[in-house]
């Protein structure tokens, strides 16, 4: 069964290099599990996520070949940023 490695890059947390990996029957299953994994990782860092608003998950095979990358980028609307701007 193929082994897939989930590496995360989240500026508000430390980067996580997956050295153990996960066994999945297919790339399709690995893709589905990557979405669930990213969701849990984002939920676990929800308070800190907005500090940088950037999260990336890279899935590789057992040879280190990058198979897919998921990226979540958050941007606050100008109206919200204006509400937090200090008044002179």
PDB file of N, CA and C in Angstrom:
ATOM      1  N   UNK A   1       0.851  -1.174   0.000  1.00  0.00           N
ATOM      2  CA  UNK A   1       0.000   0.000   0.000  1.00  0.00           C
ATOM      3  C   UNK A   1       0.897   1.238   0.000  1.00  0.00           C
ATOM      4  N   UNK A   2       0.608   2.209  -0.856  1.00  0.00           N
ATOM      5  CA  UNK A   2       1.443   3.416  -0.929  1.00  0.00           C
ATOM      6  C   UNK A   2       1.414   4.225   0.377  1.00  0.00           C
ATOM      7  N   UNK A   3       2.531   4.860   0.678  1.00  0.00           N
ATOM      8  CA  UNK A   3       2.655   5.706   1.870  1.00  0.00           C
ATOM      9  C   UNK A   3       2.739   7.162   1.419  1.00  0.00           C
ATOM     10  N   UNK A   4       1.997   8.006   2.110  1.00  0.00           N
ATOM     11  CA  UNK A   4       1.934   9.434   1.800  1.00  0.00           C
ATOM     12  C   UNK A   4       2.340  10.218   3.044  1.00  0.00           C
ATOM     13  N   UNK A   5       3.052  11.317   2.821  1.00  0.00           N
ATOM     14  CA  UNK A   5       3.562  12.142   3.904  1.00  0.00           C
ATOM     15  C   UNK A   5       2.933  13.530   3.819  1.00  0.00           C
ATOM     16  N   UNK A   6       2.413  14.007   4.957  1.00  0.00           N
ATOM     17  CA  UNK A   6       1.715  15.296   5.025  1.00  0.00           C
ATOM     18  C   UNK A   6       2.619  16.300   5.752  1.00  0.00           C
ATOM     19  N   UNK A   7       3.162  17.244   5.017  1.00  0.00           N
ATOM     20  CA  UNK A   7       4.044  18.263   5.578  1.00  0.00           C
ATOM     21  C   UNK A   7       3.271  19.585   5.646  1.00  0.00           C
ATOM     22  N   UNK A   8       3.349  20.263   6.781  1.00  0.00           N
ATOM     23  CA  UNK A   8       2.632  21.525   6.925  1.00  0.00           C
ATOM     24  C   UNK A   8       3.601  22.692   7.063  1.00  0.00           C
ATOM     25  N   UNK A   9       3.163  23.819   6.564  1.00  0.00           N
ATOM     26  CA  UNK A   9       3.893  25.071   6.687  1.00  0.00           C
ATOM     27  C   UNK A   9       2.876  26.110   7.126  1.00  0.00           C
ATOM     28  N   UNK A  10       2.996  26.518   8.365  1.00  0.00           N
ATOM     29  CA  UNK A  10       2.067  27.478   8.940  1.00  0.00           C
ATOM     30  C   UNK A  10       2.889  28.502   9.706  1.00  0.00           C
ATOM     31  N   UNK A  11       2.999  29.741   9.199  1.00  0.00           N
ATOM     32  CA  UNK A  11       3.860  30.733   9.844  1.00  0.00           C
ATOM     33  C   UNK A  11       3.552  30.985  11.317  1.00  0.00           C
ATOM     34  N   UNK A  12       2.294  30.767  11.753  1.00  0.00           N
ATOM     35  CA  UNK A  12       1.970  31.019  13.157  1.00  0.00           C
ATOM     36  C   UNK A  12       2.321  29.827  14.039  1.00  0.00           C
ATOM     37  N   UNK A  13       2.679  28.715  13.438  1.00  0.00           N
ATOM     38  CA  UNK A  13       3.101  27.517  14.166  1.00  0.00           C
ATOM     39  C   UNK A  13       4.449  27.090  13.594  1.00  0.00           C
ATOM     40  N   UNK A  14       5.045  26.087  14.199  1.00  0.00           N
ATOM     41  CA  UNK A  14       6.278  25.577  13.608  1.00  0.00           C
ATOM     42  C   UNK A  14       5.936  24.699  12.405  1.00  0.00           C
ATOM     43  N   UNK A  15       6.846  24.656  11.445  1.00  0.00           N
ATOM     44  CA  UNK A  15       6.653  23.786  10.292  1.00  0.00           C
ATOM     45  C   UNK A  15       6.753  22.348  10.767  1.00  0.00           C
ATOM     46  N   UNK A  16       5.946  21.495  10.181  1.00  0.00           N
ATOM     47  CA  UNK A  16       5.928  20.096  10.591  1.00  0.00           C
ATOM     48  C   UNK A  16       6.299  19.216   9.418  1.00  0.00           C
ATOM     49  N   UNK A  17       7.417  18.536   9.557  1.00  0.00           N
ATOM     50  CA  UNK A  17       7.890  17.592   8.552  1.00  0.00           C
ATOM     51  C   UNK A  17       7.406  16.210   8.986  1.00  0.00           C
ATOM     52  N   UNK A  18       6.561  15.589   8.191  1.00  0.00           N
ATOM     53  CA  UNK A  18       6.011  14.264   8.502  1.00  0.00           C
ATOM     54  C   UNK A  18       7.030  13.196   8.133  1.00  0.00           C
ATOM     55  N   UNK A  19       7.575  12.524   9.130  1.00  0.00           N
ATOM     56  CA  UNK A  19       8.558  11.471   8.890  1.00  0.00           C
ATOM     57  C   UNK A  19       7.955  10.071   8.969  1.00  0.00           C
ATOM     58  N   UNK A  20       6.684   9.974   9.390  1.00  0.00           N
ATOM     59  CA  UNK A  20       6.044   8.664   9.534  1.00  0.00           C
ATOM     60  C   UNK A  20       5.126   8.327   8.365  1.00  0.00           C
ATOM     61  N   UNK A  21       4.338   9.283   7.943  1.00  0.00           N
ATOM     62  CA  UNK A  21       3.446   9.075   6.818  1.00  0.00           C
ATOM     63  C   UNK A  21       2.205   8.266   7.151  1.00  0.00           C
ATOM     64  N   UNK A  22       1.364   8.101   6.132  1.00  0.00           N
ATOM     65  CA  UNK A  22       0.097   7.385   6.245  1.00  0.00           C
ATOM     66  C   UNK A  22      -0.035   6.459   5.048  1.00  0.00           C
ATOM     67  N   UNK A  23      -0.594   5.300   5.273  1.00  0.00           N
ATOM     68  CA  UNK A  23      -0.857   4.358   4.185  1.00  0.00           C
ATOM     69  C   UNK A  23      -2.280   4.555   3.681  1.00  0.00           C
ATOM     70  N   UNK A  24      -2.417   4.786   2.381  1.00  0.00           N
ATOM     71  CA  UNK A  24      -3.723   4.902   1.742  1.00  0.00           C
ATOM     72  C   UNK A  24      -3.715   4.060   0.479  1.00  0.00           C
ATOM     73  N   UNK A  25      -4.870   3.536   0.131  1.00  0.00           N
ATOM     74  CA  UNK A  25      -4.985   2.643  -1.019  1.00  0.00           C
ATOM     75  C   UNK A  25      -4.781   3.354  -2.347  1.00  0.00           C
ATOM     76  N   UNK A  26      -5.054   4.672  -2.388  1.00  0.00           N
ATOM     77  CA  UNK A  26      -4.981   5.397  -3.656  1.00  0.00           C
ATOM     78  C   UNK A  26      -4.662   6.863  -3.420  1.00  0.00           C
ATOM     79  N   UNK A  27      -4.277   7.526  -4.488  1.00  0.00           N
ATOM     80  CA  UNK A  27      -4.054   8.975  -4.419  1.00  0.00           C
ATOM     81  C   UNK A  27      -5.364   9.680  -4.085  1.00  0.00           C
ATOM     82  N   UNK A  28      -6.465   9.183  -4.615  1.00  0.00           N
ATOM     83  CA  UNK A  28      -7.769   9.784  -4.311  1.00  0.00           C
ATOM     84  C   UNK A  28      -8.031   9.771  -2.806  1.00  0.00           C
ATOM     85  N   UNK A  29      -7.767   8.651  -2.151  1.00  0.00           N
ATOM     86  CA  UNK A  29      -7.971   8.573  -0.707  1.00  0.00           C
ATOM     87  C   UNK A  29      -7.020   9.530   0.023  1.00  0.00           C
ATOM     88  N   UNK A  30      -5.780   9.622  -0.435  1.00  0.00           N
ATOM     89  CA  UNK A  30      -4.821  10.545   0.175  1.00  0.00           C
ATOM     90  C   UNK A  30      -5.298  11.989   0.034  1.00  0.00           C
ATOM     91  N   UNK A  31      -5.871  12.323  -1.119  1.00  0.00           N
ATOM     92  CA  UNK A  31      -6.387  13.684  -1.332  1.00  0.00           C
ATOM     93  C   UNK A  31      -7.528  13.980  -0.372  1.00  0.00           C
ATOM     94  N   UNK A  32      -8.439  13.041  -0.207  1.00  0.00           N
ATOM     95  CA  UNK A  32      -9.564  13.233   0.713  1.00  0.00           C
ATOM     96  C   UNK A  32      -9.070  13.378   2.150  1.00  0.00           C
ATOM     97  N   UNK A  33      -8.109  12.542   2.531  1.00  0.00           N
ATOM     98  CA  UNK A  33      -7.564  12.615   3.881  1.00  0.00           C
ATOM     99  C   UNK A  33      -6.759  13.902   4.097  1.00  0.00           C
ATOM    100  N   UNK A  34      -6.154  14.419   3.058  1.00  0.00           N
ATOM    101  CA  UNK A  34      -5.411  15.677   3.159  1.00  0.00           C
ATOM    102  C   UNK A  34      -6.353  16.823   3.518  1.00  0.00           C
ATOM    103  N   UNK A  35      -7.541  16.820   2.938  1.00  0.00           N
ATOM    104  CA  UNK A  35      -8.524  17.867   3.261  1.00  0.00           C
ATOM    105  C   UNK A  35      -8.921  17.773   4.733  1.00  0.00           C
ATOM    106  N   UNK A  36      -9.195  16.559   5.202  1.00  0.00           N
ATOM    107  CA  UNK A  36      -9.568  16.370   6.608  1.00  0.00           C
ATOM    108  C   UNK A  36      -8.418  16.760   7.537  1.00  0.00           C
ATOM    109  N   UNK A  37      -7.203  16.371   7.184  1.00  0.00           N
ATOM    110  CA  UNK A  37      -6.017  16.691   7.979  1.00  0.00           C
ATOM    111  C   UNK A  37      -5.828  18.209   8.064  1.00  0.00           C
ATOM    112  N   UNK A  38      -5.949  18.884   6.926  1.00  0.00           N
ATOM    113  CA  UNK A  38      -5.805  20.347   6.905  1.00  0.00           C
ATOM    114  C   UNK A  38      -6.878  21.007   7.755  1.00  0.00           C
ATOM    115  N   UNK A  39      -8.094  20.492   7.682  1.00  0.00           N
ATOM    116  CA  UNK A  39      -9.188  21.046   8.489  1.00  0.00           C
ATOM    117  C   UNK A  39      -8.896  20.937   9.974  1.00  0.00           C
ATOM    118  N   UNK A  40      -8.397  19.790  10.407  1.00  0.00           N
ATOM    119  CA  UNK A  40      -8.058  19.610  11.828  1.00  0.00           C
ATOM    120  C   UNK A  40      -6.911  20.538  12.224  1.00  0.00           C
ATOM    121  N   UNK A  41      -5.900  20.640  11.365  1.00  0.00           N
ATOM    122  CA  UNK A  41      -4.750  21.506  11.667  1.00  0.00           C
ATOM    123  C   UNK A  41      -5.185  22.967  11.777  1.00  0.00           C
ATOM    124  N   UNK A  42      -6.059  23.402  10.882  1.00  0.00           N
ATOM    125  CA  UNK A  42      -6.550  24.782  10.941  1.00  0.00           C
ATOM    126  C   UNK A  42      -7.403  25.005  12.183  1.00  0.00           C
ATOM    127  N   UNK A  43      -8.241  24.036  12.519  1.00  0.00           N
ATOM    128  CA  UNK A  43      -9.073  24.160  13.719  1.00  0.00           C
ATOM    129  C   UNK A  43      -8.205  24.232  14.971  1.00  0.00           C
ATOM    130  N   UNK A  44      -7.134  23.456  15.004  1.00  0.00           N
ATOM    131  CA  UNK A  44      -6.249  23.451  16.165  1.00  0.00           C
ATOM    132  C   UNK A  44      -5.498  24.759  16.332  1.00  0.00           C
ATOM    133  N   UNK A  45      -5.314  25.506  15.241  1.00  0.00           N
ATOM    134  CA  UNK A  45      -4.576  26.776  15.330  1.00  0.00           C
ATOM    135  C   UNK A  45      -5.460  27.967  14.957  1.00  0.00           C
ATOM    136  N   UNK A  46      -6.756  27.845  15.184  1.00  0.00           N
ATOM    137  CA  UNK A  46      -7.689  28.893  14.736  1.00  0.00           C
ATOM    138  C   UNK A  46      -7.395  30.262  15.346  1.00  0.00           C
ATOM    139  N   UNK A  47      -6.980  30.304  16.598  1.00  0.00           N
ATOM    140  CA  UNK A  47      -6.680  31.589  17.235  1.00  0.00           C
ATOM    141  C   UNK A  47      -5.456  32.250  16.621  1.00  0.00           C
ATOM    142  N   UNK A  48      -4.463  31.457  16.248  1.00  0.00           N
ATOM    143  CA  UNK A  48      -3.214  31.995  15.723  1.00  0.00           C
ATOM    144  C   UNK A  48      -3.214  32.157  14.208  1.00  0.00           C
ATOM    145  N   UNK A  49      -4.131  31.477  13.526  1.00  0.00           N
ATOM    146  CA  UNK A  49      -4.141  31.498  12.066  1.00  0.00           C
ATOM    147  C   UNK A  49      -4.203  32.919  11.512  1.00  0.00           C
ATOM    148  N   UNK A  50      -5.035  33.758  12.094  1.00  0.00           N
ATOM    149  CA  UNK A  50      -5.229  35.108  11.573  1.00  0.00           C
ATOM    150  C   UNK A  50      -4.023  36.012  11.788  1.00  0.00           C
ATOM    151  N   UNK A  51      -3.080  35.593  12.641  1.00  0.00           N
ATOM    152  CA  UNK A  51      -1.863  36.386  12.828  1.00  0.00           C
ATOM    153  C   UNK A  51      -1.092  36.496  11.518  1.00  0.00           C
ATOM    154  N   UNK A  52      -1.126  35.423  10.713  1.00  0.00           N
ATOM    155  CA  UNK A  52      -0.406  35.413   9.440  1.00  0.00           C
ATOM    156  C   UNK A  52      -1.313  35.093   8.264  1.00  0.00           C
ATOM    157  N   UNK A  53      -2.407  34.376   8.502  1.00  0.00           N
ATOM    158  CA  UNK A  53      -3.383  34.085   7.457  1.00  0.00           C
ATOM    159  C   UNK A  53      -2.874  33.244   6.310  1.00  0.00           C
ATOM    160  N   UNK A  54      -1.975  32.311   6.614  1.00  0.00           N
ATOM    161  CA  UNK A  54      -1.410  31.486   5.550  1.00  0.00           C
ATOM    162  C   UNK A  54      -1.156  30.084   6.102  1.00  0.00           C
ATOM    163  N   UNK A  55      -1.606  29.075   5.370  1.00  0.00           N
ATOM    164  CA  UNK A  55      -1.406  27.680   5.758  1.00  0.00           C
ATOM    165  C   UNK A  55      -1.180  26.866   4.500  1.00  0.00           C
ATOM    166  N   UNK A  56      -0.220  25.961   4.560  1.00  0.00           N
ATOM    167  CA  UNK A  56       0.067  25.128   3.393  1.00  0.00           C
ATOM    168  C   UNK A  56       0.294  23.688   3.829  1.00  0.00           C
ATOM    169  N   UNK A  57      -0.285  22.760   3.089  1.00  0.00           N
ATOM    170  CA  UNK A  57      -0.089  21.331   3.299  1.00  0.00           C
ATOM    171  C   UNK A  57       0.430  20.733   2.004  1.00  0.00           C
ATOM    172  N   UNK A  58       1.567  20.077   2.079  1.00  0.00           N
ATOM    173  CA  UNK A  58       2.165  19.419   0.918  1.00  0.00           C
ATOM    174  C   UNK A  58       2.161  17.919   1.168  1.00  0.00           C
ATOM    175  N   UNK A  59       1.690  17.178   0.191  1.00  0.00           N
ATOM    176  CA  UNK A  59       1.660  15.715   0.288  1.00  0.00           C
ATOM    177  C   UNK A  59       2.710  15.155  -0.674  1.00  0.00           C
ATOM    178  N   UNK A  60       3.572  14.297  -0.124  1.00  0.00           N
ATOM    179  CA  UNK A  60       4.611  13.667  -0.936  1.00  0.00           C
ATOM    180  C   UNK A  60       4.479  12.149  -0.877  1.00  0.00           C
ATOM    181  N   UNK A  61       5.143  11.486  -1.816  1.00  0.00           N
ATOM    182  CA  UNK A  61       5.183  10.025  -1.768  1.00  0.00           C
ATOM    183  C   UNK A  61       6.425   9.603  -0.979  1.00  0.00           C
ATOM    184  N   UNK A  62       6.684   8.293  -0.940  1.00  0.00           N
ATOM    185  CA  UNK A  62       7.800   7.790  -0.147  1.00  0.00           C
ATOM    186  C   UNK A  62       9.177   8.131  -0.732  1.00  0.00           C
ATOM    187  N   UNK A  63       9.207   8.669  -1.946  1.00  0.00           N
ATOM    188  CA  UNK A  63      10.469   9.097  -2.561  1.00  0.00           C
ATOM    189  C   UNK A  63      10.686  10.608  -2.402  1.00  0.00           C
ATOM    190  N   UNK A  64       9.694  11.291  -1.798  1.00  0.00           N
ATOM    191  CA  UNK A  64       9.782  12.730  -1.615  1.00  0.00           C
ATOM    192  C   UNK A  64       9.193  13.533  -2.762  1.00  0.00           C
ATOM    193  N   UNK A  65       8.596  12.867  -3.739  1.00  0.00           N
ATOM    194  CA  UNK A  65       7.974  13.557  -4.869  1.00  0.00           C
ATOM    195  C   UNK A  65       6.708  14.264  -4.400  1.00  0.00           C
ATOM    196  N   UNK A  66       6.600  15.555  -4.669  1.00  0.00           N
ATOM    197  CA  UNK A  66       5.401  16.309  -4.295  1.00  0.00           C
ATOM    198  C   UNK A  66       4.251  15.890  -5.202  1.00  0.00           C
ATOM    199  N   UNK A  67       3.174  15.423  -4.582  1.00  0.00           N
ATOM    200  CA  UNK A  67       1.991  14.977  -5.317  1.00  0.00           C
ATOM    201  C   UNK A  67       0.915  16.046  -5.366  1.00  0.00           C
ATOM    202  N   UNK A  68       0.783  16.795  -4.281  1.00  0.00           N
ATOM    203  CA  UNK A  68      -0.215  17.865  -4.254  1.00  0.00           C
ATOM    204  C   UNK A  68       0.105  18.840  -3.141  1.00  0.00           C
ATOM    205  N   UNK A  69      -0.412  20.030  -3.307  1.00  0.00           N
ATOM    206  CA  UNK A  69      -0.265  21.077  -2.306  1.00  0.00           C
ATOM    207  C   UNK A  69      -1.605  21.755  -2.125  1.00  0.00           C
ATOM    208  N   UNK A  70      -1.972  21.966  -0.880  1.00  0.00           N
ATOM    209  CA  UNK A  70      -3.174  22.739  -0.542  1.00  0.00           C
ATOM    210  C   UNK A  70      -2.698  24.014   0.140  1.00  0.00           C
ATOM    211  N   UNK A  71      -3.302  25.113  -0.222  1.00  0.00           N
ATOM    212  CA  UNK A  71      -2.931  26.377   0.404  1.00  0.00           C
ATOM    213  C   UNK A  71      -4.178  27.131   0.803  1.00  0.00           C
ATOM    214  N   UNK A  72      -4.183  27.607   2.038  1.00  0.00           N
ATOM    215  CA  UNK A  72      -5.285  28.424   2.545  1.00  0.00           C
ATOM    216  C   UNK A  72      -4.707  29.786   2.880  1.00  0.00           C
ATOM    217  N   UNK A  73      -5.254  30.810   2.253  1.00  0.00           N
ATOM    218  CA  UNK A  73      -4.803  32.180   2.485  1.00  0.00           C
ATOM    219  C   UNK A  73      -6.010  32.999   2.915  1.00  0.00           C
ATOM    220  N   UNK A  74      -5.879  33.682   4.028  1.00  0.00           N
ATOM    221  CA  UNK A  74      -6.966  34.503   4.551  1.00  0.00           C
ATOM    222  C   UNK A  74      -6.626  35.975   4.360  1.00  0.00           C
ATOM    223  N   UNK A  75      -7.607  36.735   3.958  1.00  0.00           N
ATOM    224  CA  UNK A  75      -7.438  38.169   3.775  1.00  0.00           C
ATOM    225  C   UNK A  75      -8.619  38.890   4.410  1.00  0.00           C
ATOM    226  N   UNK A  76      -8.318  39.841   5.272  1.00  0.00           N
ATOM    227  CA  UNK A  76      -9.378  40.648   5.852  1.00  0.00           C
ATOM    228  C   UNK A  76      -9.783  41.727   4.855  1.00  0.00           C
ATOM    229  N   UNK A  77     -11.058  41.993   4.778  1.00  0.00           N
ATOM    230  CA  UNK A  77     -11.570  43.030   3.889  1.00  0.00           C
ATOM    231  C   UNK A  77     -11.116  44.408   4.386  1.00  0.00           C
ATOM    232  N   UNK A  78     -10.954  45.381   3.478  1.00  0.00           N
ATOM    233  CA  UNK A  78     -10.533  46.721   3.892  1.00  0.00           C
ATOM    234  C   UNK A  78     -11.441  47.320   4.966  1.00  0.00           C
ATOM    235  N   UNK A  79     -12.730  47.055   4.900  1.00  0.00           N
ATOM    236  CA  UNK A  79     -13.647  47.609   5.905  1.00  0.00           C
ATOM    237  C   UNK A  79     -13.304  47.091   7.301  1.00  0.00           C
ATOM    238  N   UNK A  80     -12.943  45.828   7.405  1.00  0.00           N
ATOM    239  CA  UNK A  80     -12.585  45.259   8.701  1.00  0.00           C
ATOM    240  C   UNK A  80     -11.254  45.822   9.186  1.00  0.00           C
ATOM    241  N   UNK A  81     -10.296  45.976   8.282  1.00  0.00           N
ATOM    242  CA  UNK A  81      -9.005  46.559   8.672  1.00  0.00           C
ATOM    243  C   UNK A  81      -9.195  47.991   9.156  1.00  0.00           C
ATOM    244  N   UNK A  82     -10.088  48.742   8.528  1.00  0.00           N
ATOM    245  CA  UNK A  82     -10.330  50.133   8.917  1.00  0.00           C
ATOM    246  C   UNK A  82     -10.920  50.217  10.327  1.00  0.00           C
ATOM    247  N   UNK A  83     -11.695  49.218  10.694  1.00  0.00           N
ATOM    248  CA  UNK A  83     -12.292  49.204  12.043  1.00  0.00           C
ATOM    249  C   UNK A  83     -11.228  49.026  13.123  1.00  0.00           C
ATOM    250  N   UNK A  84     -10.117  48.423  12.789  1.00  0.00           N
ATOM    251  CA  UNK A  84      -9.058  48.160  13.768  1.00  0.00           C
ATOM    252  C   UNK A  84      -7.947  49.191  13.736  1.00  0.00           C
ATOM    253  N   UNK A  85      -8.034  50.147  12.824  1.00  0.00           N
ATOM    254  CA  UNK A  85      -7.015  51.178  12.693  1.00  0.00           C
ATOM    255  C   UNK A  85      -7.144  52.157  13.863  1.00  0.00           C
ATOM    256  N   UNK A  86      -6.009  52.481  14.513  1.00  0.00           N
ATOM    257  CA  UNK A  86      -6.082  53.448  15.616  1.00  0.00           C
ATOM    258  C   UNK A  86      -6.490  54.829  15.099  1.00  0.00           C
ATOM    259  N   UNK A  87      -7.270  55.531  15.891  1.00  0.00           N
ATOM    260  CA  UNK A  87      -7.693  56.878  15.499  1.00  0.00           C
ATOM    261  C   UNK A  87      -6.648  57.871  15.983  1.00  0.00           C
ATOM    262  N   UNK A  88      -6.364  58.883  15.144  1.00  0.00           N
ATOM    263  CA  UNK A  88      -5.343  59.880  15.523  1.00  0.00           C
ATOM    264  C   UNK A  88      -5.789  60.801  16.624  1.00  0.00           C
TER     265      UNK A  88
END
